[in-house]
Amino acid sequence: MRLVAALLAVSLLAGCSGDPSSHWVAPSSPTPSAGTTQQPKLAAVELPAPLAAPTGSVSVSQQEVTYSRDGRTLRTVIWLPDRPAKAPAVVFSHGLNGAPEHFATLLRQWASAGFVVIAPAYPNTTRGAKLDVYDVLNQPADASYVLGQVLAGPLGRRIDADRLAAAGHSAGAITTVGLFAGDRDKRLRAGIVMAGSGLGVGLAFSGTPAAMLFVHGTADPLVSYASGKAAYDAVPWSKAMLTIPGGNHNDPYLSPGSASFQTVATATLAFLRLELYGDEAARRSLEPTSDLDSQLS
């Protein structure tokens, strides 16, 4: 455990910052391409019954609620699509020195497309907290707890509990990997890992197969492309990996003015529509390309 914590600190301390103006720069090094090698016998993921999704953008409201788990304060921002039908939900995890609000542009896009987005601010890795990188290892349990509290509370009637996913960026992406590996949350049927790896949480993916989308820039100086690809390769289920050529650690997820941001927004929305709404039409946006290795069932 001490070695794991040390590795986590070295790899993440300099900045999974959610602030798009804050970048840690390191010398670039050659990175492998995503490739198209098929893993044998990937476990298929059965799509849910089709659910009518919004045909255009819907208005979005925002709420904030605070939960406490064993003394851990979890301020949580929730974006809600304003529509009468129950909606699928995504629990989103920020990176080190980040906050849910830093990802508001992307998360509001998800919400306006018909997804409830639940985004906790983790007590020891959020902006303004006394940073403890080792605490990332406790965050999968935090995310599961917050999801359970939302489902059990007044907002639960707005959510289809059979259509749940997790997503995250950087240390939040590691948190997300943990939700499908050692701290498997069996309620989740899909996951999005953006600039993440299995560091600290491992790659022992377990439980009911869940569809996974990985997104990683080839010029990421904080979480190497190779480590993200290794995590992707370890997934034994239906999966896809979007490679962002020249993409760094923050811009594809935090900078709406960048071309890569819209690429990520389009791909993640298509994935969520396919895996949570059962929208087969969304599959067209996820067909294999030179930058997208798609092995989705």
Protein backbone atom coordinates (compact mmCIF):
# COMPACT_ATOMS: atom_id res chain seq x y z
CA MET A 1 0.00 0.00 0.00
CA ARG A 2 2.85 2.40 0.77
CA LEU A 3 4.32 1.82 -2.69
CA VAL A 4 0.93 2.35 -4.32
CA ALA A 5 0.47 5.62 -2.44
CA ALA A 6 3.93 6.83 -3.42
CA LEU A 7 3.32 6.06 -7.07
CA LEU A 8 -0.02 7.81 -6.93
CA ALA A 9 1.55 10.90 -5.42
CA VAL A 10 4.34 11.11 -7.99
CA SER A 11 1.97 10.60 -10.90
CA LEU A 12 -0.83 12.94 -9.83
CA LEU A 13 0.46 15.60 -7.46
CA ALA A 14 1.41 18.17 -10.09
CA GLY A 15 -2.03 18.58 -11.41
CA CYS A 16 -5.22 16.97 -12.45
CA SER A 17 -6.36 20.55 -12.07
CA GLY A 18 -9.85 21.30 -13.22
CA ASP A 19 -8.74 24.83 -14.03
CA PRO A 20 -8.21 24.95 -17.82
CA SER A 21 -5.68 27.75 -17.41
CA SER A 22 -3.48 25.60 -15.17
CA HIS A 23 -1.25 23.09 -16.95
CA TRP A 24 1.77 21.18 -15.82
CA VAL A 25 4.14 20.84 -18.77
CA ALA A 26 6.64 18.03 -19.20
CA PRO A 27 8.87 17.03 -22.11
CA SER A 28 6.96 15.10 -24.71
CA SER A 29 7.80 11.53 -25.54
CA PRO A 30 6.71 9.14 -28.26
CA THR A 31 3.35 7.54 -27.60
CA PRO A 32 1.74 4.49 -29.14
CA SER A 33 -1.32 4.68 -31.34
CA ALA A 34 -4.61 3.20 -30.19
CA GLY A 35 -4.37 0.42 -32.73
CA THR A 36 -7.21 -1.81 -33.79
CA THR A 37 -6.20 -5.12 -32.26
CA GLN A 38 -9.28 -7.00 -31.15
CA GLN A 39 -9.28 -8.69 -27.77
CA PRO A 40 -10.80 -12.15 -28.04
CA LYS A 41 -14.06 -13.05 -26.34
CA LEU A 42 -15.04 -9.68 -24.98
CA ALA A 43 -18.16 -9.99 -22.83
CA ALA A 44 -21.12 -8.43 -24.60
CA VAL A 45 -23.23 -5.84 -22.83
CA GLU A 46 -26.95 -6.05 -23.41
CA LEU A 47 -28.48 -2.69 -24.25
CA PRO A 48 -31.47 -1.61 -22.20
CA ALA A 49 -34.89 -1.43 -23.79
CA PRO A 50 -35.08 1.71 -25.92
CA LEU A 51 -36.18 4.78 -23.98
CA ALA A 52 -37.38 7.94 -25.69
CA ALA A 53 -34.60 10.50 -25.50
CA PRO A 54 -34.97 14.25 -26.10
CA THR A 55 -34.83 15.07 -29.81
CA GLY A 56 -33.10 18.37 -29.07
CA SER A 57 -31.59 20.23 -26.16
CA VAL A 58 -33.77 20.65 -23.09
CA SER A 59 -33.42 23.29 -20.40
CA VAL A 60 -31.30 22.36 -17.39
CA SER A 61 -31.62 23.24 -13.73
CA GLN A 62 -28.84 23.02 -11.17
CA GLN A 63 -29.02 22.01 -7.52
CA GLU A 64 -26.47 21.57 -4.77
CA VAL A 65 -26.73 19.21 -1.82
CA THR A 66 -24.20 18.09 0.78
CA TYR A 67 -23.84 14.56 2.11
CA SER A 68 -21.62 13.13 4.83
CA ARG A 69 -20.05 9.66 4.78
CA ASP A 70 -18.14 8.72 7.93
CA GLY A 71 -17.27 12.35 8.50
CA ARG A 72 -16.33 12.96 4.86
CA THR A 73 -18.19 16.02 3.55
CA LEU A 74 -19.35 15.56 -0.02
CA ARG A 75 -20.71 18.74 -1.56
CA THR A 76 -22.53 17.57 -4.67
CA VAL A 77 -23.65 19.53 -7.72
CA ILE A 78 -26.53 18.03 -9.70
CA TRP A 79 -27.57 19.07 -13.19
CA LEU A 80 -31.16 18.05 -14.06
CA PRO A 81 -32.82 17.97 -17.48
CA ASP A 82 -36.21 19.66 -17.27
CA ARG A 83 -38.48 16.95 -18.62
CA PRO A 84 -41.23 14.88 -16.99
CA ALA A 85 -39.93 11.40 -17.80
CA LYS A 86 -37.39 9.62 -15.60
CA ALA A 87 -33.89 10.06 -16.97
CA PRO A 88 -30.67 8.02 -16.90
CA ALA A 89 -27.98 9.36 -14.56
CA VAL A 90 -24.20 9.75 -14.60
CA VAL A 91 -22.06 10.19 -11.48
CA PHE A 92 -19.07 12.35 -12.44
CA SER A 93 -15.72 12.59 -10.61
CA HIS A 94 -13.35 15.56 -10.93
CA GLY A 95 -9.54 15.41 -10.81
CA LEU A 96 -7.02 16.69 -8.28
CA ASN A 97 -7.46 20.36 -7.41
CA GLY A 98 -10.62 20.36 -9.49
CA ALA A 99 -14.31 20.91 -8.84
CA PRO A 100 -17.59 19.91 -10.49
CA GLU A 101 -18.12 23.47 -11.73
CA HIS A 102 -14.91 23.35 -13.79
CA PHE A 103 -16.60 20.78 -16.04
CA ALA A 104 -19.92 22.63 -16.22
CA THR A 105 -19.87 23.14 -19.99
CA LEU A 106 -19.47 19.44 -20.75
CA LEU A 107 -21.77 18.26 -17.95
CA ARG A 108 -24.53 20.68 -18.91
CA GLN A 109 -24.34 19.33 -22.46
CA TRP A 110 -24.94 15.86 -21.06
CA ALA A 111 -27.83 17.11 -18.94
CA SER A 112 -29.42 19.03 -21.82
CA ALA A 113 -29.37 15.78 -23.81
CA GLY A 114 -31.44 14.04 -21.14
CA PHE A 115 -29.05 12.82 -18.44
CA VAL A 116 -29.07 13.66 -14.75
CA VAL A 117 -25.45 14.45 -13.81
CA ILE A 118 -24.37 13.94 -10.20
CA ALA A 119 -20.97 15.47 -9.42
CA PRO A 120 -19.50 15.25 -5.91
CA ALA A 121 -16.63 17.46 -4.78
CA TYR A 122 -14.27 15.10 -2.97
CA PRO A 123 -13.15 16.30 0.47
CA ASN A 124 -9.38 15.99 0.08
CA THR A 125 -8.84 16.53 -3.64
CA THR A 126 -11.17 19.38 -4.56
CA ARG A 127 -10.05 22.96 -5.22
CA GLY A 128 -9.33 24.74 -1.94
CA ALA A 129 -8.96 21.60 0.16
CA LYS A 130 -5.76 20.50 1.86
CA LEU A 131 -4.64 18.20 -0.92
CA ASP A 132 -4.16 14.51 -0.08
CA VAL A 133 -3.48 12.53 -3.24
CA TYR A 134 -3.68 9.24 -1.37
CA ASP A 135 -7.34 9.94 -0.69
CA VAL A 136 -8.16 9.17 -4.32
CA LEU A 137 -8.28 5.56 -3.18
CA ASN A 138 -11.29 6.39 -0.98
CA GLN A 139 -13.22 8.14 -3.72
CA PRO A 140 -14.90 5.14 -5.41
CA ALA A 141 -16.73 4.49 -2.13
CA ASP A 142 -17.64 8.19 -1.94
CA ALA A 143 -19.08 8.13 -5.46
CA SER A 144 -21.16 5.02 -4.73
CA TYR A 145 -22.43 6.57 -1.52
CA VAL A 146 -23.47 9.83 -3.17
CA LEU A 147 -25.24 7.95 -5.96
CA GLY A 148 -27.15 5.91 -3.39
CA GLN A 149 -28.14 9.02 -1.43
CA VAL A 150 -29.44 10.78 -4.53
CA LEU A 151 -31.44 7.71 -5.58
CA ALA A 152 -32.95 7.40 -2.09
CA GLY A 153 -33.78 11.10 -1.82
CA PRO A 154 -36.35 13.40 -3.43
CA LEU A 155 -34.47 13.45 -6.74
CA GLY A 156 -34.61 9.68 -6.99
CA ARG A 157 -38.04 9.88 -8.60
CA ARG A 158 -36.44 11.82 -11.46
CA ILE A 159 -33.92 9.03 -12.20
CA ASP A 160 -34.23 5.66 -13.93
CA ALA A 161 -32.21 3.51 -11.52
CA ASP A 162 -31.69 0.82 -14.17
CA ARG A 163 -29.78 3.24 -16.41
CA LEU A 164 -26.75 4.44 -14.46
CA ALA A 165 -23.19 5.27 -15.51
CA ALA A 166 -20.01 6.72 -14.01
CA ALA A 167 -17.51 9.08 -15.61
CA GLY A 168 -14.48 11.06 -14.55
CA HIS A 169 -11.35 12.97 -15.52
CA SER A 170 -7.78 12.27 -14.38
CA ALA A 171 -7.86 11.29 -10.68
CA GLY A 172 -11.63 11.21 -11.16
CA ALA A 173 -11.10 8.81 -14.05
CA ILE A 174 -9.03 6.61 -11.73
CA THR A 175 -11.96 6.85 -9.31
CA THR A 176 -14.22 5.70 -12.14
CA VAL A 177 -11.98 2.74 -12.96
CA GLY A 178 -12.21 1.80 -9.29
CA LEU A 179 -16.01 1.70 -9.55
CA PHE A 180 -15.69 -1.10 -12.09
CA ALA A 181 -12.70 -2.89 -10.55
CA GLY A 182 -11.93 -3.36 -6.84
CA ASP A 183 -14.83 -1.21 -5.62
CA ARG A 184 -17.30 -2.47 -8.22
CA ASP A 185 -20.67 -0.74 -8.04
CA LYS A 186 -23.04 -3.31 -9.50
CA ARG A 187 -25.66 -0.65 -10.30
CA LEU A 188 -23.49 0.81 -13.07
CA ARG A 189 -23.96 -0.36 -16.64
CA ALA A 190 -21.50 2.00 -18.38
CA GLY A 191 -18.38 4.06 -17.67
CA ILE A 192 -16.37 6.88 -19.27
CA VAL A 193 -12.67 7.20 -18.37
CA MET A 194 -11.10 10.49 -19.52
CA ALA A 195 -7.33 10.79 -19.15
CA GLY A 196 -7.27 8.02 -16.57
CA SER A 197 -5.57 4.76 -15.68
CA GLY A 198 -5.76 1.99 -13.11
CA LEU A 199 -3.10 3.51 -10.84
CA GLY A 200 -3.82 2.60 -7.23
CA VAL A 201 -7.21 1.00 -7.89
CA GLY A 202 -6.02 -1.85 -10.11
CA LEU A 203 -7.45 -3.34 -13.26
CA ALA A 204 -9.33 -6.33 -11.87
CA PHE A 205 -12.57 -5.51 -13.66
CA SER A 206 -15.32 -7.61 -12.16
CA GLY A 207 -19.04 -8.18 -11.91
CA THR A 208 -21.70 -7.83 -14.55
CA PRO A 209 -20.22 -6.64 -17.86
CA ALA A 210 -20.46 -2.89 -18.40
CA ALA A 211 -19.65 -0.92 -21.53
CA MET A 212 -16.58 1.34 -21.19
CA LEU A 213 -15.41 4.36 -23.19
CA PHE A 214 -11.83 5.59 -22.71
CA VAL A 215 -10.67 8.98 -23.99
CA HIS A 216 -6.99 9.95 -23.92
CA GLY A 217 -4.70 12.48 -25.56
CA THR A 218 -1.44 11.27 -27.04
CA ALA A 219 0.45 14.26 -25.60
CA ASP A 220 -0.87 13.99 -22.05
CA PRO A 221 2.13 14.76 -19.78
CA LEU A 222 0.43 13.79 -16.51
CA VAL A 223 -1.31 10.48 -17.13
CA SER A 224 0.50 8.83 -19.99
CA TYR A 225 -1.36 7.63 -23.04
CA ALA A 226 0.30 4.24 -22.59
CA SER A 227 -1.15 3.85 -19.07
CA GLY A 228 -4.62 4.75 -20.30
CA LYS A 229 -4.29 2.27 -23.16
CA ALA A 230 -3.18 -0.43 -20.72
CA ALA A 231 -6.32 0.13 -18.66
CA TYR A 232 -8.43 -0.02 -21.80
CA ASP A 233 -6.77 -3.26 -22.90
CA ALA A 234 -7.57 -4.83 -19.52
CA VAL A 235 -11.32 -4.29 -19.84
CA PRO A 236 -12.88 -7.67 -20.67
CA TRP A 237 -16.21 -6.20 -21.79
CA SER A 238 -17.71 -4.20 -24.64
CA LYS A 239 -15.53 -1.10 -25.00
CA ALA A 240 -14.16 1.72 -27.13
CA MET A 241 -11.15 4.05 -26.94
CA LEU A 242 -11.07 7.51 -28.47
CA THR A 243 -7.53 8.78 -29.10
CA ILE A 244 -7.04 12.56 -29.24
CA PRO A 245 -3.93 13.14 -31.44
CA GLY A 246 -1.77 15.76 -29.75
CA GLY A 247 -4.31 16.11 -26.96
CA ASN A 248 -3.01 17.25 -23.57
CA HIS A 249 -4.37 16.57 -20.10
CA ASN A 250 -7.01 19.30 -19.82
CA ASP A 251 -8.10 20.94 -23.07
CA PRO A 252 -10.19 18.09 -24.54
CA TYR A 253 -12.39 18.10 -21.43
CA LEU A 254 -12.19 21.64 -20.05
CA SER A 255 -11.68 24.06 -22.95
CA PRO A 256 -14.86 24.53 -25.03
CA GLY A 257 -12.93 26.62 -27.55
CA SER A 258 -10.72 23.69 -28.57
CA ALA A 259 -11.62 21.38 -31.45
CA SER A 260 -10.86 18.36 -29.29
CA PHE A 261 -13.48 19.43 -26.73
CA GLN A 262 -16.28 19.10 -29.24
CA THR A 263 -14.90 15.74 -30.38
CA VAL A 264 -15.07 14.51 -26.80
CA ALA A 265 -18.54 16.00 -26.21
CA THR A 266 -19.91 14.32 -29.34
CA ALA A 267 -18.39 10.91 -28.60
CA THR A 268 -19.36 10.84 -24.91
CA LEU A 269 -22.94 11.85 -25.67
CA ALA A 270 -23.25 9.19 -28.38
CA PHE A 271 -21.89 6.58 -25.95
CA LEU A 272 -24.30 7.59 -23.18
CA ARG A 273 -27.25 7.61 -25.56
CA LEU A 274 -26.35 4.16 -26.83
CA GLU A 275 -25.66 2.53 -23.47
CA LEU A 276 -28.27 4.23 -21.28
CA TYR A 277 -31.09 5.11 -23.68
CA GLY A 278 -30.60 2.07 -25.93
CA ASP A 279 -30.45 4.44 -28.90
CA GLU A 280 -29.07 2.36 -31.76
CA ALA A 281 -28.86 5.44 -33.99
CA ALA A 282 -26.07 6.73 -31.72
CA ARG A 283 -23.92 3.77 -32.76
CA ARG A 284 -23.16 5.51 -36.07
CA SER A 285 -21.08 8.09 -34.21
CA LEU A 286 -19.07 5.30 -32.60
CA GLU A 287 -18.01 3.34 -35.66
CA PRO A 288 -14.26 2.59 -35.80
CA THR A 289 -11.96 5.23 -37.30
CA SER A 290 -8.24 5.88 -37.20
CA ASP A 291 -8.76 7.56 -33.81
CA LEU A 292 -11.55 5.39 -32.42
CA ASP A 293 -11.01 1.75 -31.57
CA SER A 294 -14.57 0.55 -31.11
CA GLN A 295 -15.35 -2.91 -29.81
CA LEU A 296 -18.84 -2.13 -28.59
CA SER A 297 -21.30 -4.98 -28.70
